[in-house]
Amino acid sequence: MFSKINISFATLAASTVLVAMVVAQNEPAATPLEVATTKPSTRAAPPVRIPFPYQRIESLTKEQKEQIVEIRRGIARELEAIRAKEREAILAVLTPEQREEAAKLVAAAQEREASERAAREATRPATRPTK
């Protein structure tokens, strides 16, 4: 069973691929592919954390922690570039009909995610309980 994080990541990955494909095709009119994938992200990037076992090293200085976080941010950017290249290559082998189908799948996943997020927000208490 896929977790919500996996579905969110898959949605993001598919969206990025589809946007890259539309840009590569230089289509002048907005297609369903563009519409489904060009919405700006409303989510902030997750915070970069220091991984185990380094997080448990008590003698790390603030500067070392900042360097580790910056290393991880740089690697994350590189990984996203690799994923984008992968998505472009995959879209290059799809037919226009298959790209359209992918766009519809992305749009449906985004709608599901938005309604799930709204449902979570509706059931979340207005304030956090105090300890």
Protein backbone atom coordinates (compact mmCIF):
# COMPACT_ATOMS: atom_id res chain seq x y z
CA MET A 1 0.00 0.00 0.00
CA PHE A 2 1.35 3.40 -0.93
CA SER A 3 1.64 6.00 1.75
CA LYS A 4 0.48 9.56 1.24
CA ILE A 5 4.11 10.65 1.01
CA ASN A 6 4.77 8.20 -1.84
CA ILE A 7 1.65 9.39 -3.65
CA SER A 8 2.66 13.03 -3.12
CA PHE A 9 6.15 12.35 -4.43
CA ALA A 10 4.79 10.47 -7.43
CA THR A 11 2.41 13.35 -8.15
CA LEU A 12 5.23 15.87 -7.94
CA ALA A 13 7.49 13.76 -10.13
CA ALA A 14 4.82 13.22 -12.76
CA SER A 15 3.91 16.90 -12.73
CA THR A 16 7.48 17.97 -13.31
CA VAL A 17 7.88 15.52 -16.17
CA LEU A 18 4.74 16.64 -17.85
CA VAL A 19 5.62 20.32 -17.58
CA ALA A 20 9.05 19.63 -19.07
CA MET A 21 7.45 17.80 -21.95
CA VAL A 22 5.06 20.63 -22.72
CA VAL A 23 7.88 23.16 -22.64
CA ALA A 24 9.97 20.94 -24.91
CA GLN A 25 7.15 20.75 -27.44
CA ASN A 26 6.70 24.56 -27.49
CA GLU A 27 2.93 24.27 -27.76
CA PRO A 28 1.44 27.75 -27.91
CA ALA A 29 -2.01 26.94 -26.46
CA ALA A 30 -2.57 25.67 -22.95
CA THR A 31 -3.21 21.95 -23.09
CA PRO A 32 -4.74 19.80 -20.37
CA LEU A 33 -1.19 18.62 -19.77
CA GLU A 34 -0.07 22.18 -19.02
CA VAL A 35 -3.11 22.99 -16.93
CA ALA A 36 -2.68 19.86 -14.82
CA THR A 37 0.98 20.39 -14.18
CA THR A 38 1.76 24.08 -14.02
CA LYS A 39 0.04 24.98 -10.77
CA PRO A 40 2.59 26.54 -8.44
CA SER A 41 3.41 24.43 -5.43
CA THR A 42 1.77 25.61 -2.25
CA ARG A 43 3.95 23.39 -0.15
CA ALA A 44 7.16 24.51 1.43
CA ALA A 45 10.15 22.29 0.93
CA PRO A 46 10.57 19.94 3.86
CA PRO A 47 13.29 20.93 6.29
CA VAL A 48 16.67 19.36 5.69
CA ARG A 49 17.75 17.28 8.64
CA ILE A 50 21.02 15.85 9.72
CA PRO A 51 20.84 12.08 9.18
CA PHE A 52 21.66 9.30 11.61
CA PRO A 53 24.32 8.72 12.94
CA TYR A 54 25.59 12.30 12.56
CA GLN A 55 22.62 13.81 14.37
CA ARG A 56 23.70 11.94 17.50
CA ILE A 57 27.23 13.33 17.56
CA GLU A 58 27.01 15.74 20.45
CA SER A 59 30.28 17.50 19.68
CA LEU A 60 29.15 18.81 16.27
CA THR A 61 29.57 22.56 16.09
CA LYS A 62 26.94 24.86 14.66
CA GLU A 63 29.16 25.40 11.62
CA GLN A 64 29.49 21.65 11.04
CA LYS A 65 25.75 21.21 11.30
CA GLU A 66 25.22 24.01 8.79
CA GLN A 67 27.76 22.43 6.43
CA ILE A 68 26.04 19.04 6.66
CA VAL A 69 22.65 20.62 5.95
CA GLU A 70 24.08 22.49 2.96
CA ILE A 71 25.64 19.27 1.62
CA ARG A 72 22.25 17.59 1.84
CA ARG A 73 20.53 20.52 0.11
CA GLY A 74 23.06 20.36 -2.72
CA ILE A 75 22.57 16.63 -3.14
CA ALA A 76 18.78 17.12 -3.11
CA ARG A 77 19.11 19.63 -5.96
CA GLU A 78 21.28 17.19 -7.91
CA LEU A 79 18.79 14.38 -7.35
CA GLU A 80 15.91 16.55 -8.55
CA ALA A 81 17.89 17.37 -11.71
CA ILE A 82 18.44 13.65 -12.30
CA ARG A 83 14.73 12.95 -11.74
CA ALA A 84 13.80 15.71 -14.20
CA LYS A 85 16.13 14.22 -16.81
CA GLU A 86 14.55 10.81 -16.19
CA ARG A 87 11.04 12.24 -16.57
CA GLU A 88 11.97 13.97 -19.83
CA ALA A 89 13.41 10.74 -21.21
CA ILE A 90 10.31 8.78 -20.24
CA LEU A 91 7.97 11.34 -21.77
CA ALA A 92 10.00 11.27 -24.96
CA VAL A 93 8.98 7.63 -25.53
CA LEU A 94 5.27 8.24 -24.87
CA THR A 95 2.78 8.97 -27.60
CA PRO A 96 0.75 12.22 -27.40
CA GLU A 97 -2.23 10.15 -26.24
CA GLN A 98 -0.19 8.56 -23.48
CA ARG A 99 1.10 11.97 -22.37
CA GLU A 100 -2.52 13.18 -22.27
CA GLU A 101 -3.49 10.16 -20.18
CA ALA A 102 -0.58 10.85 -17.83
CA ALA A 103 -1.74 14.46 -17.48
CA LYS A 104 -5.23 13.30 -16.53
CA LEU A 105 -3.78 10.90 -13.96
CA VAL A 106 -1.69 13.71 -12.47
CA ALA A 107 -4.70 16.03 -12.29
CA ALA A 108 -6.79 13.34 -10.59
CA ALA A 109 -4.03 12.63 -8.07
CA GLN A 110 -3.69 16.35 -7.33
CA GLU A 111 -7.44 16.63 -6.76
CA ARG A 112 -7.41 13.61 -4.42
CA GLU A 113 -4.47 15.05 -2.50
CA ALA A 114 -6.19 18.43 -2.17
CA SER A 115 -9.40 16.88 -0.86
CA GLU A 116 -7.49 14.66 1.56
CA ARG A 117 -5.57 17.71 2.80
CA ALA A 118 -8.83 19.65 3.22
CA ALA A 119 -10.36 16.74 5.15
CA ARG A 120 -7.32 16.58 7.45
CA GLU A 121 -7.47 20.33 8.02
CA ALA A 122 -11.19 20.15 8.82
CA THR A 123 -10.62 17.53 11.52
CA ARG A 124 -7.52 19.19 12.99
CA PRO A 125 -8.13 21.15 16.19
CA ALA A 126 -7.89 24.93 15.85
CA THR A 127 -5.11 25.12 18.42
CA ARG A 128 -2.60 22.63 19.63
CA PRO A 129 -3.16 21.26 23.09
CA THR A 130 -0.72 22.51 25.70
CA LYS A 131 1.56 20.11 27.49
